[in-house]
């Protein structure tokens, strides 16, 4: 087996073992916290006294999408940021062990309703037009949903931040498709939720698996200085940011991790493949 293959196998085994030894695997049912994307139904004020009004998205230029479609697409994009992150199994730079995901759930609501998934801890990210206009895309209290110790510092059911659709709509000239419009909205929502989970603005570009050199926690202001055009891209958390999320939110197991004996068999299989490749001469290409 090559040294590179040994390193990959070793890293995968270590990541799985660390996750188990830390007790990060939890049941999926009614164990996590839920963040509700609250598309506000009326005048609403979050904990930082930022008011919001309902947004119909009629002026956003969505083609063939109903209001429910837009809400569902926004939810799917936010879920993908947090729960669709590549693991070490597919991306060697990822801090996420194979077979795990963040222990967090998401739903959208049209008002302050409890989640339907059974979780007993939930918080709201308001989504709507600012009332009055604020001049920024959104805001949230830093680390209030989960601090560095993994604890909440606000009451259950708190509206911990707001994503302001009237300010976000000022960037619509950069978007040319429904997907890019959703990226503008969902990127802001994901960003503000990230603040509630202890993430801060990065200093410039940061390695990440997304479609931009800037992570989803970057901003146009200092210290990130991200060009606005990056906002229409499918950005993602940087590897460092996702490491922080693992610490603050925790993980749950979604796929069984192989037993130690299975890791041994996998290693022996790689050895056999490597040996076979050494013994079998390279074959000439076959003409079509």
Protein backbone atom coordinates (compact mmCIF):
# COMPACT_ATOMS: atom_id res chain seq x y z
CA UNK A 1 0.00 0.00 0.00
CA UNK A 2 1.32 3.46 -0.83
CA UNK A 3 2.11 5.88 1.98
CA UNK A 4 -0.64 8.21 0.67
CA UNK A 5 -3.24 5.43 0.90
CA UNK A 6 -2.06 4.54 4.39
CA UNK A 7 -2.39 8.15 5.48
CA UNK A 8 -5.94 8.45 4.12
CA UNK A 9 -7.00 5.16 5.78
CA UNK A 10 -5.36 6.20 9.05
CA UNK A 11 -6.98 9.66 9.04
CA UNK A 12 -10.42 8.20 8.37
CA UNK A 13 -10.09 5.69 11.20
CA UNK A 14 -8.82 8.37 13.59
CA UNK A 15 -11.68 10.75 12.70
CA UNK A 16 -14.27 8.07 13.39
CA UNK A 17 -12.59 7.00 16.62
CA UNK A 18 -12.35 10.58 17.87
CA UNK A 19 -16.02 11.21 17.16
CA UNK A 20 -17.04 8.12 19.09
CA UNK A 21 -14.68 8.73 22.00
CA UNK A 22 -16.03 12.26 22.44
CA UNK A 23 -19.56 10.92 22.62
CA UNK A 24 -20.65 13.09 19.70
CA UNK A 25 -23.05 10.56 18.21
CA UNK A 26 -26.62 11.18 19.35
CA UNK A 27 -30.05 9.98 18.36
CA UNK A 28 -31.68 11.92 15.55
CA UNK A 29 -35.19 12.10 17.04
CA UNK A 30 -36.09 15.01 19.35
CA UNK A 31 -32.47 15.40 20.50
CA UNK A 32 -31.26 18.37 18.49
CA UNK A 33 -32.06 22.06 18.53
CA UNK A 34 -34.12 23.48 15.68
CA UNK A 35 -33.64 26.84 13.99
CA UNK A 36 -36.84 28.06 12.35
CA UNK A 37 -36.61 30.28 9.30
CA UNK A 38 -39.43 32.60 10.28
CA UNK A 39 -40.87 34.27 7.18
CA UNK A 40 -42.66 36.78 9.38
CA UNK A 41 -46.46 36.96 9.16
CA UNK A 42 -46.71 40.46 10.60
CA UNK A 43 -44.68 43.22 12.28
CA UNK A 44 -42.05 41.46 14.39
CA UNK A 45 -39.10 42.61 16.50
CA UNK A 46 -36.08 40.46 17.36
CA UNK A 47 -34.06 40.54 20.57
CA UNK A 48 -31.83 43.32 19.19
CA UNK A 49 -34.88 45.50 18.43
CA UNK A 50 -34.64 45.05 14.66
CA UNK A 51 -38.16 45.06 13.23
CA UNK A 52 -39.36 43.16 10.17
CA UNK A 53 -42.47 43.14 7.97
CA UNK A 54 -43.74 40.35 5.66
CA UNK A 55 -42.03 39.93 2.27
CA UNK A 56 -43.90 38.43 -0.71
CA UNK A 57 -40.84 38.38 -3.04
CA UNK A 58 -43.11 39.62 -5.86
CA UNK A 59 -40.42 42.07 -7.04
CA UNK A 60 -37.50 39.65 -6.84
CA UNK A 61 -37.86 38.29 -10.38
CA UNK A 62 -38.34 34.61 -9.50
CA UNK A 63 -39.54 32.70 -12.54
CA UNK A 64 -42.18 30.00 -12.06
CA UNK A 65 -41.78 29.90 -8.27
CA UNK A 66 -44.59 30.42 -5.78
CA UNK A 67 -44.02 31.94 -2.35
CA UNK A 68 -44.02 28.43 -0.88
CA UNK A 69 -41.49 27.32 -3.50
CA UNK A 70 -39.19 30.19 -2.52
CA UNK A 71 -39.47 29.34 1.16
CA UNK A 72 -38.82 25.66 0.51
CA UNK A 73 -35.82 26.44 -1.73
CA UNK A 74 -34.37 28.77 0.91
CA UNK A 75 -34.80 26.10 3.58
CA UNK A 76 -33.17 23.46 1.35
CA UNK A 77 -30.16 25.73 0.71
CA UNK A 78 -29.69 26.49 4.41
CA UNK A 79 -30.01 22.79 5.28
CA UNK A 80 -27.42 21.96 2.66
CA UNK A 81 -24.96 24.43 4.22
CA UNK A 82 -25.28 22.84 7.65
CA UNK A 83 -26.28 19.23 6.96
CA UNK A 84 -24.91 18.60 3.46
CA UNK A 85 -21.28 19.43 4.22
CA UNK A 86 -18.83 16.93 2.69
CA UNK A 87 -17.21 14.57 5.15
CA UNK A 88 -13.64 13.35 5.25
CA UNK A 89 -14.77 10.39 3.14
CA UNK A 90 -15.17 12.62 0.09
CA UNK A 91 -12.99 15.61 0.98
CA UNK A 92 -9.68 15.05 2.78
CA UNK A 93 -9.70 18.68 4.02
CA UNK A 94 -13.04 18.32 5.80
CA UNK A 95 -13.10 18.19 9.62
CA UNK A 96 -16.38 16.21 9.50
CA UNK A 97 -15.93 12.48 10.27
CA UNK A 98 -17.54 10.10 7.80
CA UNK A 99 -21.00 8.98 8.88
CA UNK A 100 -21.78 12.09 10.94
CA UNK A 101 -23.60 15.41 10.54
CA UNK A 102 -24.20 18.43 12.75
CA UNK A 103 -26.77 17.86 15.49
CA UNK A 104 -29.13 20.61 14.33
CA UNK A 105 -32.44 20.77 12.45
CA UNK A 106 -34.15 23.41 10.35
CA UNK A 107 -37.74 24.22 9.39
CA UNK A 108 -39.47 27.28 8.01
CA UNK A 109 -42.44 28.92 9.64
CA UNK A 110 -44.81 31.79 8.89
CA UNK A 111 -44.95 33.14 12.41
CA UNK A 112 -43.76 31.98 15.83
CA UNK A 113 -44.93 28.38 15.70
CA UNK A 114 -43.12 25.47 17.33
CA UNK A 115 -41.27 23.02 15.08
CA UNK A 116 -43.22 19.97 13.94
CA UNK A 117 -40.22 17.63 14.29
CA UNK A 118 -40.55 17.12 18.04
CA UNK A 119 -37.47 19.09 19.11
CA UNK A 120 -38.06 20.84 22.42
CA UNK A 121 -35.45 23.56 21.90
CA UNK A 122 -35.87 26.06 19.08
CA UNK A 123 -35.01 29.61 18.03
CA UNK A 124 -36.19 31.91 15.23
CA UNK A 125 -34.27 33.66 12.46
CA UNK A 126 -36.68 36.31 11.19
CA UNK A 127 -36.87 36.89 7.43
CA UNK A 128 -38.62 40.00 6.12
CA UNK A 129 -38.35 43.65 5.15
CA UNK A 130 -36.67 45.84 7.75
CA UNK A 131 -39.00 48.12 9.69
CA UNK A 132 -37.53 50.71 9.45
CA UNK A 133 -34.76 50.18 6.90
CA UNK A 134 -31.44 49.34 8.56
CA UNK A 135 -28.95 49.51 5.71
CA UNK A 136 -27.42 46.11 6.46
CA UNK A 137 -28.31 42.64 5.17
CA UNK A 138 -28.94 41.04 8.54
CA UNK A 139 -27.79 40.65 12.11
CA UNK A 140 -27.81 38.16 14.96
CA UNK A 141 -26.50 37.90 18.51
CA UNK A 142 -23.06 36.28 18.58
CA UNK A 143 -22.94 32.87 20.22
CA UNK A 144 -26.36 33.23 21.83
CA UNK A 145 -27.82 30.02 20.40
CA UNK A 146 -24.64 28.06 21.04
CA UNK A 147 -21.55 29.54 22.70
CA UNK A 148 -18.06 28.03 22.77
CA UNK A 149 -19.14 25.64 25.51
CA UNK A 150 -22.10 24.46 23.43
CA UNK A 151 -24.71 26.24 25.56
CA UNK A 152 -27.49 28.70 24.78
CA UNK A 153 -27.56 32.08 26.53
CA UNK A 154 -31.06 33.11 25.42
CA UNK A 155 -34.50 31.77 26.28
CA UNK A 156 -36.07 29.02 24.22
CA UNK A 157 -38.11 30.49 21.38
CA UNK A 158 -36.01 33.67 21.10
CA UNK A 159 -35.95 35.55 17.80
CA UNK A 160 -32.17 35.81 17.81
CA UNK A 161 -31.65 37.65 14.53
CA UNK A 162 -33.08 38.93 11.28
CA UNK A 163 -32.30 38.61 7.57
CA UNK A 164 -33.52 41.79 5.88
CA UNK A 165 -35.02 41.18 2.47
CA UNK A 166 -35.34 44.83 1.46
CA UNK A 167 -31.59 45.37 1.81
CA UNK A 168 -30.77 42.02 0.20
CA UNK A 169 -32.97 42.97 -2.78
CA UNK A 170 -30.55 45.80 -3.53
CA UNK A 171 -28.16 43.09 -4.81
CA UNK A 172 -30.67 41.49 -7.19
CA UNK A 173 -29.00 43.18 -10.17
CA UNK A 174 -26.16 40.67 -9.70
CA UNK A 175 -28.47 37.66 -10.04
CA UNK A 176 -29.56 36.21 -13.38
CA UNK A 177 -31.34 33.01 -12.29
CA UNK A 178 -33.63 31.64 -9.59
CA UNK A 179 -30.68 29.74 -8.12
CA UNK A 180 -28.64 32.92 -7.76
CA UNK A 181 -31.57 34.75 -6.14
CA UNK A 182 -31.91 31.92 -3.64
CA UNK A 183 -28.15 32.10 -3.01
CA UNK A 184 -28.50 35.79 -2.13
CA UNK A 185 -31.26 35.08 0.36
CA UNK A 186 -30.13 31.75 1.80
CA UNK A 187 -26.49 32.88 2.02
CA UNK A 188 -27.56 35.74 4.28
CA UNK A 189 -29.81 33.50 6.39
CA UNK A 190 -27.05 30.89 6.81
CA UNK A 191 -24.56 33.65 7.65
CA UNK A 192 -26.73 35.15 10.39
CA UNK A 193 -27.53 31.75 11.90
CA UNK A 194 -23.77 31.12 11.90
CA UNK A 195 -23.29 34.17 14.13
CA UNK A 196 -25.81 32.71 16.57
CA UNK A 197 -23.66 29.57 16.62
CA UNK A 198 -20.46 31.53 17.48
CA UNK A 199 -19.03 32.11 13.98
CA UNK A 200 -17.40 35.45 13.16
CA UNK A 201 -16.41 37.20 9.94
CA UNK A 202 -13.19 35.78 8.44
CA UNK A 203 -10.25 37.90 7.40
CA UNK A 204 -10.45 37.62 3.61
CA UNK A 205 -10.65 34.40 1.64
CA UNK A 206 -10.80 31.05 3.42
CA UNK A 207 -10.51 27.50 1.99
CA UNK A 208 -13.94 25.91 1.67
CA UNK A 209 -15.77 23.34 -0.51
CA UNK A 210 -18.14 25.93 -2.00
CA UNK A 211 -18.20 27.76 -5.33
CA UNK A 212 -16.35 30.84 -4.06
CA UNK A 213 -12.97 31.61 -2.52
CA UNK A 214 -14.90 33.46 0.18
CA UNK A 215 -16.82 31.47 2.78
CA UNK A 216 -20.48 32.01 3.58
CA UNK A 217 -19.40 33.89 6.73
CA UNK A 218 -17.52 36.51 4.70
CA UNK A 219 -18.89 40.02 4.33
CA UNK A 220 -18.23 43.03 2.14
CA UNK A 221 -16.94 45.06 5.08
CA UNK A 222 -13.62 44.72 6.87
CA UNK A 223 -12.03 42.32 7.66
CA UNK A 224 -13.45 40.12 4.86
CA UNK A 225 -13.75 42.72 2.06
CA UNK A 226 -15.65 40.27 -0.15
CA UNK A 227 -16.80 41.56 -3.56
CA UNK A 228 -20.62 41.70 -3.74
CA UNK A 229 -20.64 39.52 -6.87
CA UNK A 230 -19.58 36.56 -4.74
CA UNK A 231 -22.96 36.59 -2.96
CA UNK A 232 -24.81 35.01 -5.89
CA UNK A 233 -22.51 31.97 -5.75
CA UNK A 234 -23.17 28.82 -3.72
CA UNK A 235 -20.68 29.65 -0.96
CA UNK A 236 -20.03 27.33 1.96
CA UNK A 237 -18.49 27.32 5.41
CA UNK A 238 -14.71 27.23 5.50
CA UNK A 239 -13.12 24.11 6.97
CA UNK A 240 -12.14 26.12 10.04
CA UNK A 241 -15.65 27.49 10.49
CA UNK A 242 -17.14 24.03 10.24
CA UNK A 243 -14.71 22.83 12.91
CA UNK A 244 -16.16 25.53 15.18
CA UNK A 245 -19.70 24.36 14.38
CA UNK A 246 -18.74 20.81 15.34
CA UNK A 247 -17.58 22.10 18.73
CA UNK A 248 -20.58 24.35 19.41
CA UNK A 249 -23.39 22.20 17.98
CA UNK A 250 -22.04 18.65 18.26
CA UNK A 251 -22.53 15.74 15.89
CA UNK A 252 -24.94 12.88 15.41
CA UNK A 253 -24.31 9.62 13.63
CA UNK A 254 -26.13 9.18 10.34
CA UNK A 255 -24.32 6.14 8.95
CA UNK A 256 -22.91 3.22 10.90
CA UNK A 257 -19.14 3.44 11.33
CA UNK A 258 -17.29 0.21 10.52
CA UNK A 259 -16.18 -1.91 13.45
CA UNK A 260 -12.39 -2.14 14.10
CA UNK A 261 -12.35 -5.50 12.32
CA UNK A 262 -13.92 -3.87 9.27
CA UNK A 263 -11.21 -1.22 9.21
CA UNK A 264 -8.67 -4.07 9.26
CA UNK A 265 -10.41 -5.80 6.36
CA UNK A 266 -10.51 -2.52 4.42
CA UNK A 267 -6.79 -2.09 5.02
CA UNK A 268 -6.04 -5.63 3.89
CA UNK A 269 -8.16 -5.02 0.80
CA UNK A 270 -6.11 -1.95 -0.07
CA UNK A 271 -2.93 -3.97 0.43
CA UNK A 272 -4.26 -6.66 -1.91
CA UNK A 273 -5.17 -4.11 -4.56
CA UNK A 274 -1.76 -2.47 -4.30
CA UNK A 275 -0.02 -5.87 -4.58
CA UNK A 276 -2.14 -6.86 -7.58
CA UNK A 277 -1.25 -3.65 -9.36
CA UNK A 278 2.42 -4.41 -8.84
CA UNK A 279 2.10 -7.91 -10.27
CA UNK A 280 -0.16 -7.30 -13.30
CA UNK A 281 1.57 -5.60 -16.23
CA UNK A 282 -0.07 -2.53 -17.70
CA UNK A 283 -2.38 -3.39 -20.58
CA UNK A 284 -2.55 -1.69 -23.94
CA UNK A 285 -5.68 0.37 -24.61
CA UNK A 286 -8.38 -1.42 -26.58
CA UNK A 287 -9.63 0.30 -29.70
CA UNK A 288 -13.32 1.09 -29.78
